[in-house]
Amino acid sequence: MNVGDSEDKLSEIEGNATQVTELTIKDKTFVTYFYQATNTSFIVEKELKTICKISQGKVSGACP
């Protein structure tokens, strides 16, 4: 998975996330998908439905 990939592709390749959280900042909503098996978090900009950040470990947050 890479930054810019679609939310649909994330679901298709990685499957169901261990944990899903949402964060809204200044009218933008970001969804974090955490996968325990790979210890990876993917942050998706909800409106664009694309991955904007990939991090190791359990993190949440927003993209610039």
PDB file of N, CA and C in Angstrom:
ATOM      1  N   MET A   1       0.832  -1.175   0.000  1.00  0.00           N
ATOM      2  CA  MET A   1       0.000   0.000   0.000  1.00  0.00           C
ATOM      3  C   MET A   1       0.884   1.248   0.000  1.00  0.00           C
ATOM      4  N   ASN A   2       0.389   2.294  -0.682  1.00  0.00           N
ATOM      5  CA  ASN A   2       1.149   3.537  -0.790  1.00  0.00           C
ATOM      6  C   ASN A   2       0.246   4.731  -0.545  1.00  0.00           C
ATOM      7  N   VAL A   3       0.852   5.844  -0.168  1.00  0.00           N
ATOM      8  CA  VAL A   3       0.111   7.094  -0.058  1.00  0.00           C
ATOM      9  C   VAL A   3      -0.513   7.385  -1.415  1.00  0.00           C
ATOM     10  N   GLY A   4      -1.771   7.765  -1.423  1.00  0.00           N
ATOM     11  CA  GLY A   4      -2.492   8.044  -2.666  1.00  0.00           C
ATOM     12  C   GLY A   4      -3.366   6.895  -3.124  1.00  0.00           C
ATOM     13  N   ASP A   5      -3.133   5.682  -2.575  1.00  0.00           N
ATOM     14  CA  ASP A   5      -3.993   4.542  -2.908  1.00  0.00           C
ATOM     15  C   ASP A   5      -5.385   4.773  -2.332  1.00  0.00           C
ATOM     16  N   SER A   6      -6.381   4.137  -2.935  1.00  0.00           N
ATOM     17  CA  SER A   6      -7.763   4.338  -2.515  1.00  0.00           C
ATOM     18  C   SER A   6      -8.112   3.562  -1.249  1.00  0.00           C
ATOM     19  N   GLU A   7      -9.124   4.061  -0.559  1.00  0.00           N
ATOM     20  CA  GLU A   7      -9.645   3.392   0.632  1.00  0.00           C
ATOM     21  C   GLU A   7     -10.166   2.005   0.262  1.00  0.00           C
ATOM     22  N   ASP A   8     -10.766   1.885  -0.916  1.00  0.00           N
ATOM     23  CA  ASP A   8     -11.278   0.593  -1.375  1.00  0.00           C
ATOM     24  C   ASP A   8     -10.146  -0.412  -1.561  1.00  0.00           C
ATOM     25  N   LYS A   9      -9.032   0.040  -2.132  1.00  0.00           N
ATOM     26  CA  LYS A   9      -7.884  -0.844  -2.341  1.00  0.00           C
ATOM     27  C   LYS A   9      -7.314  -1.299  -0.996  1.00  0.00           C
ATOM     28  N   LEU A  10      -7.288  -0.400  -0.025  1.00  0.00           N
ATOM     29  CA  LEU A  10      -6.818  -0.740   1.316  1.00  0.00           C
ATOM     30  C   LEU A  10      -7.651  -1.874   1.892  1.00  0.00           C
ATOM     31  N   SER A  11      -8.943  -1.742   1.804  1.00  0.00           N
ATOM     32  CA  SER A  11      -9.853  -2.764   2.325  1.00  0.00           C
ATOM     33  C   SER A  11      -9.686  -4.082   1.579  1.00  0.00           C
ATOM     34  N   GLU A  12      -9.533  -3.984   0.273  1.00  0.00           N
ATOM     35  CA  GLU A  12      -9.395  -5.175  -0.578  1.00  0.00           C
ATOM     36  C   GLU A  12      -8.111  -5.946  -0.269  1.00  0.00           C
ATOM     37  N   ILE A  13      -7.008  -5.226  -0.083  1.00  0.00           N
ATOM     38  CA  ILE A  13      -5.707  -5.870   0.112  1.00  0.00           C
ATOM     39  C   ILE A  13      -5.463  -6.237   1.577  1.00  0.00           C
ATOM     40  N   GLU A  14      -5.756  -5.329   2.493  1.00  0.00           N
ATOM     41  CA  GLU A  14      -5.435  -5.547   3.901  1.00  0.00           C
ATOM     42  C   GLU A  14      -6.558  -6.236   4.677  1.00  0.00           C
ATOM     43  N   GLY A  15      -7.788  -6.180   4.155  1.00  0.00           N
ATOM     44  CA  GLY A  15      -8.917  -6.788   4.860  1.00  0.00           C
ATOM     45  C   GLY A  15      -9.487  -5.865   5.917  1.00  0.00           C
ATOM     46  N   ASN A  16     -10.130  -6.471   6.909  1.00  0.00           N
ATOM     47  CA  ASN A  16     -10.759  -5.692   7.970  1.00  0.00           C
ATOM     48  C   ASN A  16      -9.724  -5.207   8.979  1.00  0.00           C
ATOM     49  N   ALA A  17      -9.802  -3.933   9.306  1.00  0.00           N
ATOM     50  CA  ALA A  17      -8.882  -3.338  10.268  1.00  0.00           C
ATOM     51  C   ALA A  17      -9.189  -3.815  11.682  1.00  0.00           C
ATOM     52  N   THR A  18      -8.142  -3.872  12.517  1.00  0.00           N
ATOM     53  CA  THR A  18      -8.303  -4.218  13.924  1.00  0.00           C
ATOM     54  C   THR A  18      -9.059  -3.112  14.647  1.00  0.00           C
ATOM     55  N   GLN A  19      -8.748  -1.855  14.293  1.00  0.00           N
ATOM     56  CA  GLN A  19      -9.394  -0.706  14.924  1.00  0.00           C
ATOM     57  C   GLN A  19      -9.553   0.408  13.899  1.00  0.00           C
ATOM     58  N   VAL A  20     -10.707   1.093  13.948  1.00  0.00           N
ATOM     59  CA  VAL A  20     -10.983   2.221  13.055  1.00  0.00           C
ATOM     60  C   VAL A  20     -11.384   3.412  13.918  1.00  0.00           C
ATOM     61  N   THR A  21     -10.712   4.549  13.702  1.00  0.00           N
ATOM     62  CA  THR A  21     -11.062   5.757  14.442  1.00  0.00           C
ATOM     63  C   THR A  21     -11.206   6.927  13.474  1.00  0.00           C
ATOM     64  N   GLU A  22     -12.059   7.891  13.857  1.00  0.00           N
ATOM     65  CA  GLU A  22     -12.256   9.093  13.047  1.00  0.00           C
ATOM     66  C   GLU A  22     -11.844  10.313  13.834  1.00  0.00           C
ATOM     67  N   LEU A  23     -11.291  11.291  13.121  1.00  0.00           N
ATOM     68  CA  LEU A  23     -10.883  12.552  13.716  1.00  0.00           C
ATOM     69  C   LEU A  23     -11.255  13.668  12.752  1.00  0.00           C
ATOM     70  N   THR A  24     -11.948  14.690  13.246  1.00  0.00           N
ATOM     71  CA  THR A  24     -12.322  15.829  12.403  1.00  0.00           C
ATOM     72  C   THR A  24     -11.579  17.065  12.881  1.00  0.00           C
ATOM     73  N   ILE A  25     -10.885  17.706  11.942  1.00  0.00           N
ATOM     74  CA  ILE A  25     -10.142  18.930  12.227  1.00  0.00           C
ATOM     75  C   ILE A  25     -10.462  19.934  11.130  1.00  0.00           C
ATOM     76  N   LYS A  26     -10.970  21.090  11.533  1.00  0.00           N
ATOM     77  CA  LYS A  26     -11.272  22.175  10.579  1.00  0.00           C
ATOM     78  C   LYS A  26     -12.074  21.666   9.389  1.00  0.00           C
ATOM     79  N   ASP A  27     -13.183  21.004   9.656  1.00  0.00           N
ATOM     80  CA  ASP A  27     -14.109  20.507   8.635  1.00  0.00           C
ATOM     81  C   ASP A  27     -13.542  19.400   7.745  1.00  0.00           C
ATOM     82  N   LYS A  28     -12.394  18.860   8.086  1.00  0.00           N
ATOM     83  CA  LYS A  28     -11.848  17.715   7.353  1.00  0.00           C
ATOM     84  C   LYS A  28     -11.874  16.512   8.281  1.00  0.00           C
ATOM     85  N   THR A  29     -12.329  15.376   7.760  1.00  0.00           N
ATOM     86  CA  THR A  29     -12.390  14.167   8.571  1.00  0.00           C
ATOM     87  C   THR A  29     -11.362  13.164   8.066  1.00  0.00           C
ATOM     88  N   PHE A  30     -10.631  12.592   9.005  1.00  0.00           N
ATOM     89  CA  PHE A  30      -9.614  11.588   8.706  1.00  0.00           C
ATOM     90  C   PHE A  30      -9.989  10.303   9.423  1.00  0.00           C
ATOM     91  N   VAL A  31      -9.851   9.185   8.722  1.00  0.00           N
ATOM     92  CA  VAL A  31     -10.156   7.885   9.291  1.00  0.00           C
ATOM     93  C   VAL A  31      -8.847   7.105   9.380  1.00  0.00           C
ATOM     94  N   THR A  32      -8.554   6.590  10.572  1.00  0.00           N
ATOM     95  CA  THR A  32      -7.349   5.785  10.769  1.00  0.00           C
ATOM     96  C   THR A  32      -7.731   4.314  10.847  1.00  0.00           C
ATOM     97  N   TYR A  33      -7.104   3.513  10.007  1.00  0.00           N
ATOM     98  CA  TYR A  33      -7.288   2.059  10.013  1.00  0.00           C
ATOM     99  C   TYR A  33      -6.019   1.449  10.574  1.00  0.00           C
ATOM    100  N   PHE A  34      -6.132   0.768  11.708  1.00  0.00           N
ATOM    101  CA  PHE A  34      -4.981   0.109  12.321  1.00  0.00           C
ATOM    102  C   PHE A  34      -5.096  -1.397  12.111  1.00  0.00           C
ATOM    103  N   TYR A  35      -4.005  -1.998  11.632  1.00  0.00           N
ATOM    104  CA  TYR A  35      -3.928  -3.441  11.401  1.00  0.00           C
ATOM    105  C   TYR A  35      -2.903  -4.031  12.352  1.00  0.00           C
ATOM    106  N   GLN A  36      -3.377  -4.782  13.339  1.00  0.00           N
ATOM    107  CA  GLN A  36      -2.494  -5.341  14.364  1.00  0.00           C
ATOM    108  C   GLN A  36      -1.504  -6.348  13.778  1.00  0.00           C
ATOM    109  N   ALA A  37      -1.941  -7.132  12.806  1.00  0.00           N
ATOM    110  CA  ALA A  37      -1.084  -8.176  12.233  1.00  0.00           C
ATOM    111  C   ALA A  37       0.202  -7.604  11.636  1.00  0.00           C
ATOM    112  N   THR A  38       0.118  -6.408  11.054  1.00  0.00           N
ATOM    113  CA  THR A  38       1.302  -5.791  10.449  1.00  0.00           C
ATOM    114  C   THR A  38       1.786  -4.589  11.260  1.00  0.00           C
ATOM    115  N   ASN A  39       1.080  -4.281  12.381  1.00  0.00           N
ATOM    116  CA  ASN A  39       1.424  -3.142  13.225  1.00  0.00           C
ATOM    117  C   ASN A  39       1.538  -1.857  12.410  1.00  0.00           C
ATOM    118  N   THR A  40       0.543  -1.638  11.535  1.00  0.00           N
ATOM    119  CA  THR A  40       0.573  -0.500  10.630  1.00  0.00           C
ATOM    120  C   THR A  40      -0.740   0.274  10.710  1.00  0.00           C
ATOM    121  N   SER A  41      -0.621   1.598  10.669  1.00  0.00           N
ATOM    122  CA  SER A  41      -1.792   2.471  10.631  1.00  0.00           C
ATOM    123  C   SER A  41      -1.824   3.207   9.296  1.00  0.00           C
ATOM    124  N   PHE A  42      -3.006   3.242   8.705  1.00  0.00           N
ATOM    125  CA  PHE A  42      -3.225   3.968   7.450  1.00  0.00           C
ATOM    126  C   PHE A  42      -4.225   5.083   7.740  1.00  0.00           C
ATOM    127  N   ILE A  43      -3.860   6.324   7.431  1.00  0.00           N
ATOM    128  CA  ILE A  43      -4.768   7.447   7.625  1.00  0.00           C
ATOM    129  C   ILE A  43      -5.339   7.836   6.269  1.00  0.00           C
ATOM    130  N   VAL A  44      -6.675   7.885   6.200  1.00  0.00           N
ATOM    131  CA  VAL A  44      -7.394   8.177   4.958  1.00  0.00           C
ATOM    132  C   VAL A  44      -8.141   9.494   5.112  1.00  0.00           C
ATOM    133  N   GLU A  45      -8.000  10.379   4.121  1.00  0.00           N
ATOM    134  CA  GLU A  45      -8.824  11.584   4.104  1.00  0.00           C
ATOM    135  C   GLU A  45     -10.200  11.176   3.602  1.00  0.00           C
ATOM    136  N   LYS A  46     -11.196  11.298   4.467  1.00  0.00           N
ATOM    137  CA  LYS A  46     -12.522  10.729   4.213  1.00  0.00           C
ATOM    138  C   LYS A  46     -13.160  11.270   2.940  1.00  0.00           C
ATOM    139  N   GLU A  47     -13.056  12.570   2.706  1.00  0.00           N
ATOM    140  CA  GLU A  47     -13.689  13.175   1.533  1.00  0.00           C
ATOM    141  C   GLU A  47     -13.077  12.670   0.227  1.00  0.00           C
ATOM    142  N   LEU A  48     -11.759  12.540   0.193  1.00  0.00           N
ATOM    143  CA  LEU A  48     -11.064  12.091  -1.021  1.00  0.00           C
ATOM    144  C   LEU A  48     -10.999  10.574  -1.133  1.00  0.00           C
ATOM    145  N   LYS A  49     -11.174   9.886   0.017  1.00  0.00           N
ATOM    146  CA  LYS A  49     -11.115   8.423   0.075  1.00  0.00           C
ATOM    147  C   LYS A  49      -9.782   7.875  -0.405  1.00  0.00           C
ATOM    148  N   THR A  50      -8.707   8.585  -0.033  1.00  0.00           N
ATOM    149  CA  THR A  50      -7.361   8.123  -0.383  1.00  0.00           C
ATOM    150  C   THR A  50      -6.475   8.134   0.858  1.00  0.00           C
ATOM    151  N   ILE A  51      -5.485   7.243   0.848  1.00  0.00           N
ATOM    152  CA  ILE A  51      -4.517   7.179   1.942  1.00  0.00           C
ATOM    153  C   ILE A  51      -3.624   8.412   1.877  1.00  0.00           C
ATOM    154  N   CYS A  52      -3.503   9.111   3.009  1.00  0.00           N
ATOM    155  CA  CYS A  52      -2.643  10.295   3.021  1.00  0.00           C
ATOM    156  C   CYS A  52      -1.437  10.132   3.945  1.00  0.00           C
ATOM    157  N   LYS A  53      -1.425   9.049   4.750  1.00  0.00           N
ATOM    158  CA  LYS A  53      -0.280   8.819   5.631  1.00  0.00           C
ATOM    159  C   LYS A  53      -0.260   7.349   6.045  1.00  0.00           C
ATOM    160  N   ILE A  54       0.937   6.787   6.128  1.00  0.00           N
ATOM    161  CA  ILE A  54       1.125   5.410   6.582  1.00  0.00           C
ATOM    162  C   ILE A  54       2.172   5.439   7.689  1.00  0.00           C
ATOM    163  N   SER A  55       1.855   4.824   8.821  1.00  0.00           N
ATOM    164  CA  SER A  55       2.772   4.836   9.965  1.00  0.00           C
ATOM    165  C   SER A  55       2.898   3.448  10.564  1.00  0.00           C
ATOM    166  N   GLN A  56       4.066   3.160  11.116  1.00  0.00           N
ATOM    167  CA  GLN A  56       4.251   1.937  11.885  1.00  0.00           C
ATOM    168  C   GLN A  56       3.676   2.173  13.276  1.00  0.00           C
ATOM    169  N   GLY A  57       3.033   1.162  13.815  1.00  0.00           N
ATOM    170  CA  GLY A  57       2.485   1.269  15.148  1.00  0.00           C
ATOM    171  C   GLY A  57       1.060   1.786  15.125  1.00  0.00           C
ATOM    172  N   LYS A  58       0.500   1.890  16.314  1.00  0.00           N
ATOM    173  CA  LYS A  58      -0.884   2.317  16.475  1.00  0.00           C
ATOM    174  C   LYS A  58      -0.915   3.823  16.665  1.00  0.00           C
ATOM    175  N   VAL A  59      -1.246   4.530  15.630  1.00  0.00           N
ATOM    176  CA  VAL A  59      -1.325   5.991  15.683  1.00  0.00           C
ATOM    177  C   VAL A  59      -2.670   6.434  15.101  1.00  0.00           C
ATOM    178  N   SER A  60      -3.021   7.664  15.389  1.00  0.00           N
ATOM    179  CA  SER A  60      -4.184   8.274  14.741  1.00  0.00           C
ATOM    180  C   SER A  60      -3.817   9.702  14.490  1.00  0.00           C
ATOM    181  N   GLY A  61      -4.622  10.381  13.721  1.00  0.00           N
ATOM    182  CA  GLY A  61      -4.297  11.777  13.463  1.00  0.00           C
ATOM    183  C   GLY A  61      -4.816  12.245  12.132  1.00  0.00           C
ATOM    184  N   ALA A  62      -4.133  13.231  11.621  1.00  0.00           N
ATOM    185  CA  ALA A  62      -4.554  13.888  10.392  1.00  0.00           C
ATOM    186  C   ALA A  62      -3.358  14.029   9.459  1.00  0.00           C
ATOM    187  N   CYS A  63      -3.660  14.442   8.265  1.00  0.00           N
ATOM    188  CA  CYS A  63      -2.605  14.715   7.279  1.00  0.00           C
ATOM    189  C   CYS A  63      -2.538  16.209   7.050  1.00  0.00           C
ATOM    190  N   PRO A  64      -1.379  16.688   6.683  1.00  0.00           N
ATOM    191  CA  PRO A  64      -1.233  18.148   6.462  1.00  0.00           C
ATOM    192  C   PRO A  64      -2.087  18.629   5.298  1.00  0.00           C
TER     193      PRO A  64
END
